[in-house]
N, C-alpha and C. Protein backbone atom coordinates (compact mmCIF):
# COMPACT_ATOMS: atom_id res chain seq x y z
N LEU A 1 2.79 -0.03 16.54
CA LEU A 1 3.98 -0.79 16.15
C LEU A 1 3.69 -2.27 16.50
N VAL A 2 3.80 -3.13 15.48
CA VAL A 2 3.63 -4.47 15.65
C VAL A 2 4.92 -5.19 15.65
N LEU A 3 5.23 -5.94 16.71
CA LEU A 3 6.53 -6.63 16.83
C LEU A 3 6.31 -8.09 16.72
N LYS A 4 7.22 -8.78 15.95
CA LYS A 4 7.08 -10.25 15.78
C LYS A 4 8.47 -10.92 15.78
N VAL A 5 8.49 -12.13 16.13
CA VAL A 5 9.63 -12.95 16.00
C VAL A 5 9.46 -13.83 14.76
N LYS A 6 10.35 -13.91 13.84
CA LYS A 6 10.23 -14.72 12.66
C LYS A 6 11.11 -15.92 12.83
N TYR A 7 10.57 -17.10 12.40
CA TYR A 7 11.28 -18.32 12.47
C TYR A 7 11.50 -18.98 11.09
N ASN A 8 12.57 -19.73 10.99
CA ASN A 8 12.83 -20.47 9.75
C ASN A 8 11.83 -21.65 9.65
N ALA A 9 11.82 -22.32 8.48
CA ALA A 9 10.94 -23.47 8.25
C ALA A 9 11.18 -24.57 9.27
N ASP A 10 12.45 -24.67 9.71
CA ASP A 10 12.80 -25.80 10.67
C ASP A 10 12.48 -25.39 12.17
N GLY A 11 11.99 -24.17 12.29
CA GLY A 11 11.60 -23.73 13.69
C GLY A 11 12.71 -23.02 14.40
N THR A 12 13.83 -22.85 13.87
CA THR A 12 14.94 -22.04 14.45
C THR A 12 14.69 -20.56 14.26
N TYR A 13 15.24 -19.75 15.22
CA TYR A 13 15.06 -18.33 15.22
C TYR A 13 15.59 -17.73 13.94
N ASP A 14 14.98 -16.77 13.31
CA ASP A 14 15.48 -16.09 12.11
C ASP A 14 15.82 -14.62 12.42
N LYS A 15 14.78 -13.86 12.89
CA LYS A 15 15.01 -12.46 13.13
C LYS A 15 13.80 -11.84 13.90
N HIS A 16 13.96 -10.65 14.43
CA HIS A 16 12.91 -9.84 14.99
C HIS A 16 12.40 -8.91 13.85
N LYS A 17 11.14 -8.70 13.82
CA LYS A 17 10.57 -7.85 12.80
C LYS A 17 9.64 -6.83 13.42
N ALA A 18 9.67 -5.59 12.92
CA ALA A 18 8.81 -4.54 13.46
C ALA A 18 8.12 -3.99 12.24
N ARG A 19 6.81 -3.69 12.44
CA ARG A 19 6.00 -3.08 11.29
C ARG A 19 5.20 -1.93 11.88
N GLY A 20 5.36 -0.72 11.30
CA GLY A 20 4.55 0.43 11.67
C GLY A 20 3.12 0.26 11.18
N VAL A 21 2.12 0.40 12.07
CA VAL A 21 0.77 0.29 11.74
C VAL A 21 -0.03 1.43 12.31
N ILE A 22 -0.88 2.00 11.42
CA ILE A 22 -1.70 3.09 11.88
C ILE A 22 -2.94 2.48 12.59
N ARG A 23 -3.36 3.16 13.62
CA ARG A 23 -4.60 2.75 14.31
C ARG A 23 -5.84 3.27 13.45
N GLY A 24 -6.03 2.63 12.35
CA GLY A 24 -7.06 3.05 11.40
C GLY A 24 -8.50 2.94 11.91
N PHE A 25 -8.63 2.10 12.89
CA PHE A 25 -10.03 1.93 13.46
C PHE A 25 -10.56 3.22 14.13
N LEU A 26 -9.66 4.16 14.23
CA LEU A 26 -10.07 5.48 14.90
C LEU A 26 -10.47 6.42 13.78
N SER A 27 -10.22 6.14 12.55
CA SER A 27 -10.52 6.96 11.40
C SER A 27 -12.00 7.09 11.15
N GLN A 28 -12.42 8.26 10.71
CA GLN A 28 -13.87 8.54 10.40
C GLN A 28 -13.97 8.85 8.95
N LEU A 29 -14.88 8.23 8.22
CA LEU A 29 -15.12 8.51 6.86
C LEU A 29 -15.57 9.94 6.64
N GLY A 30 -15.03 10.57 5.73
CA GLY A 30 -15.39 11.92 5.38
C GLY A 30 -14.55 12.96 6.16
N ILE A 31 -13.96 12.51 7.28
CA ILE A 31 -13.06 13.38 8.04
C ILE A 31 -11.65 13.03 7.84
N ASP A 32 -11.29 11.77 8.14
CA ASP A 32 -9.90 11.34 8.04
C ASP A 32 -9.56 10.66 6.66
N TYR A 33 -10.56 10.16 5.99
CA TYR A 33 -10.34 9.63 4.72
C TYR A 33 -11.69 9.73 3.89
N TYR A 34 -11.46 9.64 2.57
CA TYR A 34 -12.65 9.81 1.72
C TYR A 34 -12.92 8.53 0.84
N ALA A 35 -11.87 7.72 0.72
CA ALA A 35 -12.07 6.46 -0.15
C ALA A 35 -11.31 5.36 0.48
N SER A 36 -11.93 4.24 0.65
CA SER A 36 -11.24 3.05 1.19
C SER A 36 -11.45 1.90 0.19
N TYR A 37 -12.05 2.15 -0.93
CA TYR A 37 -12.43 1.10 -1.90
C TYR A 37 -11.13 0.63 -2.59
N ALA A 38 -10.98 -0.72 -2.69
CA ALA A 38 -9.89 -1.25 -3.51
C ALA A 38 -10.55 -2.34 -4.38
N PRO A 39 -10.37 -2.33 -5.69
CA PRO A 39 -10.99 -3.26 -6.54
C PRO A 39 -10.46 -4.76 -6.32
N THR A 40 -11.25 -5.72 -6.45
CA THR A 40 -10.85 -7.11 -6.44
C THR A 40 -11.29 -7.77 -7.68
N THR A 41 -10.55 -8.72 -8.14
CA THR A 41 -10.88 -9.43 -9.38
C THR A 41 -12.21 -10.19 -9.23
N MET A 42 -13.06 -10.12 -10.22
CA MET A 42 -14.27 -10.93 -10.20
C MET A 42 -13.92 -12.36 -10.45
N LEU A 43 -14.55 -13.29 -9.76
CA LEU A 43 -14.21 -14.69 -9.89
C LEU A 43 -14.42 -15.16 -11.28
N SER A 44 -15.51 -14.67 -11.98
CA SER A 44 -15.74 -15.10 -13.34
C SER A 44 -14.66 -14.66 -14.26
N THR A 45 -14.06 -13.51 -14.07
CA THR A 45 -12.95 -13.04 -14.91
C THR A 45 -11.68 -13.95 -14.71
N ALA A 46 -11.38 -14.28 -13.44
CA ALA A 46 -10.23 -15.18 -13.20
C ALA A 46 -10.47 -16.57 -13.84
N ARG A 47 -11.69 -17.12 -13.74
CA ARG A 47 -11.95 -18.37 -14.36
C ARG A 47 -11.89 -18.32 -15.86
N ILE A 48 -12.36 -17.25 -16.52
CA ILE A 48 -12.22 -17.10 -17.98
C ILE A 48 -10.83 -17.04 -18.41
N VAL A 49 -10.01 -16.20 -17.70
CA VAL A 49 -8.63 -16.06 -18.09
C VAL A 49 -7.91 -17.46 -17.98
N MET A 50 -8.17 -18.19 -16.85
CA MET A 50 -7.52 -19.46 -16.67
C MET A 50 -7.95 -20.43 -17.72
N ALA A 51 -9.24 -20.48 -18.03
CA ALA A 51 -9.74 -21.40 -19.05
C ALA A 51 -9.14 -21.13 -20.46
N ILE A 52 -9.04 -19.91 -20.79
CA ILE A 52 -8.45 -19.52 -22.12
C ILE A 52 -6.95 -19.94 -22.17
N ALA A 53 -6.26 -19.64 -21.04
CA ALA A 53 -4.78 -19.97 -21.02
C ALA A 53 -4.67 -21.52 -21.02
N ALA A 54 -5.49 -22.30 -20.37
CA ALA A 54 -5.41 -23.75 -20.40
C ALA A 54 -5.67 -24.24 -21.81
N LYS A 55 -6.73 -23.75 -22.41
CA LYS A 55 -7.07 -24.23 -23.76
C LYS A 55 -6.01 -23.96 -24.77
N HIS A 56 -5.28 -22.86 -24.69
CA HIS A 56 -4.25 -22.50 -25.66
C HIS A 56 -2.87 -22.84 -25.23
N GLY A 57 -2.72 -23.41 -24.08
CA GLY A 57 -1.41 -23.83 -23.50
C GLY A 57 -0.52 -22.65 -23.17
N VAL A 58 -1.13 -21.53 -22.74
CA VAL A 58 -0.35 -20.35 -22.40
C VAL A 58 -0.06 -20.43 -20.92
N PRO A 59 1.24 -20.21 -20.55
CA PRO A 59 1.54 -20.19 -19.10
C PRO A 59 1.01 -18.89 -18.44
N LEU A 60 0.54 -19.07 -17.20
CA LEU A 60 0.14 -17.95 -16.42
C LEU A 60 1.14 -17.67 -15.33
N HIS A 61 1.38 -16.38 -15.00
CA HIS A 61 2.30 -16.04 -14.01
C HIS A 61 1.61 -15.12 -12.97
N HIS A 62 2.05 -15.36 -11.70
CA HIS A 62 1.46 -14.58 -10.63
C HIS A 62 2.57 -13.66 -10.05
N ALA A 63 2.23 -12.45 -9.78
CA ALA A 63 3.22 -11.52 -9.14
C ALA A 63 2.71 -11.03 -7.81
N ASP A 64 3.56 -10.96 -6.86
CA ASP A 64 3.23 -10.43 -5.50
C ASP A 64 4.06 -9.20 -5.37
N ILE A 65 3.49 -8.10 -5.00
CA ILE A 65 4.24 -6.83 -4.76
C ILE A 65 4.48 -6.69 -3.31
N PRO A 66 5.77 -6.88 -2.93
CA PRO A 66 6.11 -6.78 -1.50
C PRO A 66 5.71 -5.42 -0.95
N GLN A 67 5.16 -5.44 0.28
CA GLN A 67 4.81 -4.26 0.99
C GLN A 67 3.99 -3.28 0.11
N ALA A 68 2.99 -3.87 -0.60
CA ALA A 68 2.17 -3.10 -1.51
C ALA A 68 1.56 -1.87 -0.91
N PHE A 69 1.00 -2.03 0.30
CA PHE A 69 0.28 -0.88 0.87
C PHE A 69 1.14 0.23 1.30
N LEU A 70 2.46 -0.04 1.40
CA LEU A 70 3.44 1.00 1.67
C LEU A 70 3.89 1.77 0.47
N GLN A 71 3.51 1.39 -0.68
CA GLN A 71 3.93 2.08 -1.98
C GLN A 71 3.08 3.23 -2.27
N GLY A 72 1.76 3.27 -1.85
CA GLY A 72 0.87 4.32 -2.21
C GLY A 72 1.24 5.70 -1.70
N GLN A 73 1.06 6.71 -2.57
CA GLN A 73 1.39 8.07 -2.18
C GLN A 73 0.09 8.69 -1.49
N VAL A 74 0.36 9.19 -0.35
CA VAL A 74 -0.74 9.85 0.38
C VAL A 74 -1.15 11.11 -0.30
N ASN A 75 -2.47 11.22 -0.56
CA ASN A 75 -2.93 12.32 -1.43
C ASN A 75 -3.49 13.50 -0.65
N ARG A 76 -3.39 13.49 0.64
CA ARG A 76 -3.82 14.59 1.46
C ARG A 76 -3.05 14.50 2.84
N PRO A 77 -2.96 15.61 3.57
CA PRO A 77 -2.21 15.59 4.80
C PRO A 77 -2.78 14.56 5.80
N ILE A 78 -1.91 13.69 6.29
CA ILE A 78 -2.32 12.71 7.35
C ILE A 78 -1.17 12.81 8.44
N TYR A 79 -1.55 13.07 9.65
CA TYR A 79 -0.62 13.31 10.70
C TYR A 79 -0.74 12.15 11.72
N VAL A 80 0.39 11.67 12.23
CA VAL A 80 0.33 10.60 13.19
C VAL A 80 1.28 10.91 14.37
N THR A 81 1.02 10.27 15.45
CA THR A 81 1.96 10.33 16.67
C THR A 81 2.62 8.94 16.72
N LEU A 82 3.81 8.97 17.31
CA LEU A 82 4.54 7.73 17.50
C LEU A 82 3.99 7.01 18.75
N PRO A 83 4.16 5.70 18.87
CA PRO A 83 3.77 5.03 20.10
C PRO A 83 4.54 5.50 21.28
N LYS A 84 4.03 5.38 22.50
CA LYS A 84 4.72 5.80 23.67
C LYS A 84 6.01 5.03 23.80
N GLY A 85 7.03 5.75 24.13
CA GLY A 85 8.34 5.16 24.31
C GLY A 85 9.19 5.19 23.09
N ILE A 86 8.67 5.52 21.91
CA ILE A 86 9.38 5.55 20.69
C ILE A 86 9.73 7.02 20.42
N ARG A 87 11.01 7.27 20.22
CA ARG A 87 11.42 8.65 19.86
C ARG A 87 12.36 8.59 18.72
N ILE A 88 12.36 9.71 17.95
CA ILE A 88 13.23 9.85 16.84
C ILE A 88 14.37 10.75 17.23
N LYS A 89 15.57 10.29 17.16
CA LYS A 89 16.72 11.10 17.56
C LYS A 89 17.24 11.69 16.23
N SER A 90 17.21 13.00 16.15
CA SER A 90 17.71 13.70 14.99
C SER A 90 18.14 15.13 15.35
N GLN A 91 19.21 15.49 14.67
CA GLN A 91 19.75 16.83 14.96
C GLN A 91 18.72 17.82 14.40
N ILE A 92 18.07 17.47 13.24
CA ILE A 92 17.15 18.43 12.65
C ILE A 92 15.93 18.63 13.55
N LEU A 93 15.42 17.45 14.16
CA LEU A 93 14.30 17.62 15.02
C LEU A 93 14.65 18.35 16.34
N ASP A 94 15.83 18.16 16.84
CA ASP A 94 16.33 18.91 18.03
C ASP A 94 16.34 20.39 17.73
N THR A 95 16.87 20.74 16.56
CA THR A 95 16.91 22.17 16.13
C THR A 95 15.49 22.71 16.00
N MET A 96 14.59 21.97 15.49
CA MET A 96 13.16 22.47 15.32
C MET A 96 12.49 22.66 16.65
N ARG A 97 12.77 21.76 17.61
CA ARG A 97 12.21 21.87 18.95
C ARG A 97 12.58 23.14 19.60
N GLN A 98 13.77 23.71 19.28
CA GLN A 98 14.25 24.94 19.92
C GLN A 98 13.32 26.08 19.49
N THR A 99 12.65 25.97 18.34
CA THR A 99 11.72 27.05 17.90
C THR A 99 10.40 27.03 18.51
N ILE A 100 10.10 25.90 19.17
CA ILE A 100 8.76 25.74 19.80
C ILE A 100 8.80 26.42 21.17
N PRO A 101 7.66 27.17 21.46
CA PRO A 101 7.57 27.84 22.79
C PRO A 101 7.83 26.80 23.88
N GLU A 102 8.44 27.24 25.00
CA GLU A 102 8.78 26.47 26.09
C GLU A 102 7.64 25.59 26.68
N LYS A 103 6.46 26.25 26.74
CA LYS A 103 5.26 25.49 27.32
C LYS A 103 4.76 24.34 26.49
N ASP A 104 5.16 24.33 25.15
CA ASP A 104 4.65 23.30 24.25
C ASP A 104 5.67 22.22 23.91
N ARG A 105 6.97 22.38 24.47
CA ARG A 105 8.04 21.50 24.10
C ARG A 105 7.80 20.05 24.56
N ASN A 106 7.03 19.86 25.63
CA ASN A 106 6.87 18.53 26.19
C ASN A 106 5.68 17.76 25.52
N ARG A 107 4.95 18.45 24.65
CA ARG A 107 3.86 17.77 23.96
C ARG A 107 4.39 16.73 23.01
N GLN A 108 3.58 15.70 22.78
CA GLN A 108 4.01 14.69 21.87
C GLN A 108 3.92 15.27 20.42
N PRO A 109 5.09 15.10 19.71
CA PRO A 109 5.07 15.72 18.36
C PRO A 109 4.24 14.84 17.37
N VAL A 110 3.69 15.46 16.34
CA VAL A 110 3.02 14.74 15.29
C VAL A 110 3.87 14.76 14.03
N TYR A 111 3.74 13.68 13.24
CA TYR A 111 4.51 13.59 12.03
C TYR A 111 3.55 13.44 10.82
N ARG A 112 3.95 14.06 9.70
CA ARG A 112 3.08 13.98 8.51
C ARG A 112 3.57 12.79 7.65
N LEU A 113 2.61 12.01 7.26
CA LEU A 113 2.92 10.81 6.44
C LEU A 113 3.14 11.24 4.99
N LEU A 114 4.19 10.68 4.42
CA LEU A 114 4.42 10.94 2.97
C LEU A 114 3.95 9.73 2.13
N LYS A 115 3.98 8.54 2.79
CA LYS A 115 3.61 7.27 2.13
C LYS A 115 2.53 6.61 3.00
N SER A 116 1.83 5.73 2.36
CA SER A 116 0.75 5.03 3.07
C SER A 116 1.37 4.00 4.06
N LEU A 117 0.55 3.70 5.10
CA LEU A 117 1.01 2.63 6.07
C LEU A 117 -0.11 1.62 6.25
N TYR A 118 0.26 0.43 6.76
CA TYR A 118 -0.75 -0.56 7.09
C TYR A 118 -1.68 -0.02 8.12
N GLY A 119 -2.92 -0.36 8.02
CA GLY A 119 -3.94 0.07 8.94
C GLY A 119 -4.64 1.40 8.52
N LEU A 120 -4.03 2.04 7.60
CA LEU A 120 -4.67 3.27 7.10
C LEU A 120 -5.83 2.91 6.18
N ALA A 121 -7.05 3.49 6.44
CA ALA A 121 -8.23 3.06 5.69
C ALA A 121 -8.10 3.20 4.27
N SER A 122 -7.36 4.21 3.78
CA SER A 122 -7.24 4.49 2.32
C SER A 122 -6.06 3.72 1.72
N SER A 123 -5.34 2.94 2.43
CA SER A 123 -4.10 2.22 1.92
C SER A 123 -4.45 1.34 0.66
N PRO A 124 -5.47 0.57 0.77
CA PRO A 124 -5.82 -0.33 -0.47
C PRO A 124 -6.16 0.62 -1.73
N TYR A 125 -6.95 1.65 -1.48
CA TYR A 125 -7.30 2.54 -2.54
C TYR A 125 -6.11 3.22 -3.13
N LEU A 126 -5.18 3.73 -2.29
CA LEU A 126 -4.00 4.47 -2.79
C LEU A 126 -3.09 3.54 -3.55
N PHE A 127 -2.95 2.24 -3.11
CA PHE A 127 -2.13 1.34 -3.85
C PHE A 127 -2.73 0.99 -5.27
N SER A 128 -4.08 0.77 -5.28
CA SER A 128 -4.75 0.44 -6.54
C SER A 128 -4.64 1.59 -7.49
N LYS A 129 -4.69 2.75 -7.00
CA LYS A 129 -4.57 3.96 -7.83
C LYS A 129 -3.18 4.08 -8.44
N LEU A 130 -2.15 3.77 -7.66
CA LEU A 130 -0.72 3.76 -8.10
C LEU A 130 -0.52 2.68 -9.10
N LEU A 131 -1.04 1.51 -8.89
CA LEU A 131 -0.86 0.40 -9.82
C LEU A 131 -1.60 0.70 -11.12
N ARG A 132 -2.80 1.22 -11.10
CA ARG A 132 -3.55 1.54 -12.31
C ARG A 132 -2.75 2.56 -13.15
N ALA A 133 -2.22 3.60 -12.51
CA ALA A 133 -1.41 4.63 -13.22
C ALA A 133 -0.22 4.00 -13.90
N PHE A 134 0.51 3.12 -13.14
CA PHE A 134 1.72 2.44 -13.69
C PHE A 134 1.38 1.56 -14.91
N LEU A 135 0.29 0.72 -14.82
CA LEU A 135 -0.09 -0.11 -15.88
C LEU A 135 -0.55 0.62 -17.10
N THR A 136 -1.33 1.70 -16.89
CA THR A 136 -1.77 2.51 -17.96
C THR A 136 -0.67 3.18 -18.70
N LYS A 137 0.39 3.61 -17.89
CA LYS A 137 1.55 4.18 -18.51
C LYS A 137 2.29 3.20 -19.44
N LEU A 138 2.21 1.95 -19.13
CA LEU A 138 2.81 0.95 -19.94
C LEU A 138 1.97 0.64 -21.20
N GLY A 139 0.84 1.27 -21.29
CA GLY A 139 0.02 1.11 -22.49
C GLY A 139 -1.13 0.07 -22.32
N LEU A 140 -1.27 -0.49 -21.16
CA LEU A 140 -2.34 -1.48 -20.90
C LEU A 140 -3.71 -0.65 -20.67
N GLU A 141 -4.78 -1.34 -21.07
CA GLU A 141 -6.13 -0.68 -20.99
C GLU A 141 -7.02 -1.50 -20.09
N ARG A 142 -7.99 -0.88 -19.41
CA ARG A 142 -9.00 -1.56 -18.61
C ARG A 142 -10.29 -1.68 -19.40
N PRO A 143 -10.78 -2.86 -19.47
CA PRO A 143 -12.18 -2.97 -20.01
C PRO A 143 -13.26 -2.49 -18.97
N ARG A 144 -14.39 -2.18 -19.47
CA ARG A 144 -15.49 -1.68 -18.63
C ARG A 144 -16.06 -2.79 -17.70
N THR A 145 -15.82 -4.03 -18.13
CA THR A 145 -16.45 -5.14 -17.39
C THR A 145 -15.76 -5.47 -16.05
N ASP A 146 -14.44 -5.27 -16.00
CA ASP A 146 -13.68 -5.67 -14.83
C ASP A 146 -12.55 -4.65 -14.62
N CYS A 147 -12.59 -3.87 -13.61
CA CYS A 147 -11.62 -2.78 -13.49
C CYS A 147 -10.25 -3.27 -12.95
N THR A 148 -10.14 -4.61 -12.62
CA THR A 148 -8.87 -5.20 -12.16
C THR A 148 -8.11 -5.82 -13.34
N MET A 149 -8.72 -5.94 -14.49
CA MET A 149 -8.09 -6.65 -15.61
C MET A 149 -7.50 -5.55 -16.55
N PHE A 150 -6.28 -5.72 -16.92
CA PHE A 150 -5.66 -4.85 -17.85
C PHE A 150 -5.13 -5.65 -19.06
N THR A 151 -5.38 -5.07 -20.22
CA THR A 151 -4.97 -5.83 -21.42
C THR A 151 -4.21 -4.85 -22.40
N LYS A 152 -3.41 -5.53 -23.26
CA LYS A 152 -2.73 -4.76 -24.35
C LYS A 152 -2.64 -5.75 -25.54
N HIS A 153 -3.02 -5.20 -26.68
CA HIS A 153 -3.03 -5.92 -27.97
C HIS A 153 -1.94 -5.43 -28.76
N ASP A 154 -1.05 -6.26 -29.26
CA ASP A 154 0.06 -5.87 -30.17
C ASP A 154 -0.45 -6.11 -31.56
N GLN A 155 -0.74 -4.98 -32.29
CA GLN A 155 -1.23 -5.07 -33.66
C GLN A 155 -0.32 -5.75 -34.61
N ARG A 156 1.01 -5.69 -34.32
CA ARG A 156 2.00 -6.20 -35.22
C ARG A 156 2.01 -7.73 -35.18
N THR A 157 1.95 -8.34 -33.93
CA THR A 157 2.04 -9.74 -33.79
C THR A 157 0.67 -10.37 -33.63
N GLY A 158 -0.34 -9.61 -33.19
CA GLY A 158 -1.65 -10.14 -32.94
C GLY A 158 -1.75 -10.72 -31.56
N LYS A 159 -0.75 -10.57 -30.73
CA LYS A 159 -0.77 -11.16 -29.32
C LYS A 159 -1.40 -10.26 -28.37
N TRP A 160 -2.07 -10.85 -27.32
CA TRP A 160 -2.66 -10.11 -26.25
C TRP A 160 -1.83 -10.32 -25.04
N VAL A 161 -1.79 -9.30 -24.19
CA VAL A 161 -1.09 -9.40 -22.88
C VAL A 161 -2.18 -8.99 -21.85
């Protein structure tokens, strides 16, 4: 758990912020995760796109996806424990604990992740997989030269996206 105090631009207090982070440095390739690769745009592709846009007077737009790594769907079981001192109060959990043998009730429970978290070695890969599926569903295609570039050609208007 990473705790921060956020401040406004003028230096005044804004809020306290907490972020759940996995201790991914303990993960082992082939045991805890199988892929940590996330594609990045080739510098030459970015330069070409900007040059073409500048030449033709086409505006470029940048999009940032808030909490991108938290959007990825975990594709295999990953179990975590909560930091010491953090407990989840829930009637469902209390009911479940009653089914656990008495000798095991004081053990720290583990929780199965349903979504990716910061620090998870496979978070960048899982997000890139989700983004690729979404853009492909919209009809965009990836060229073989750069796996981070997606294009769509409108036959009717002749325009490229």
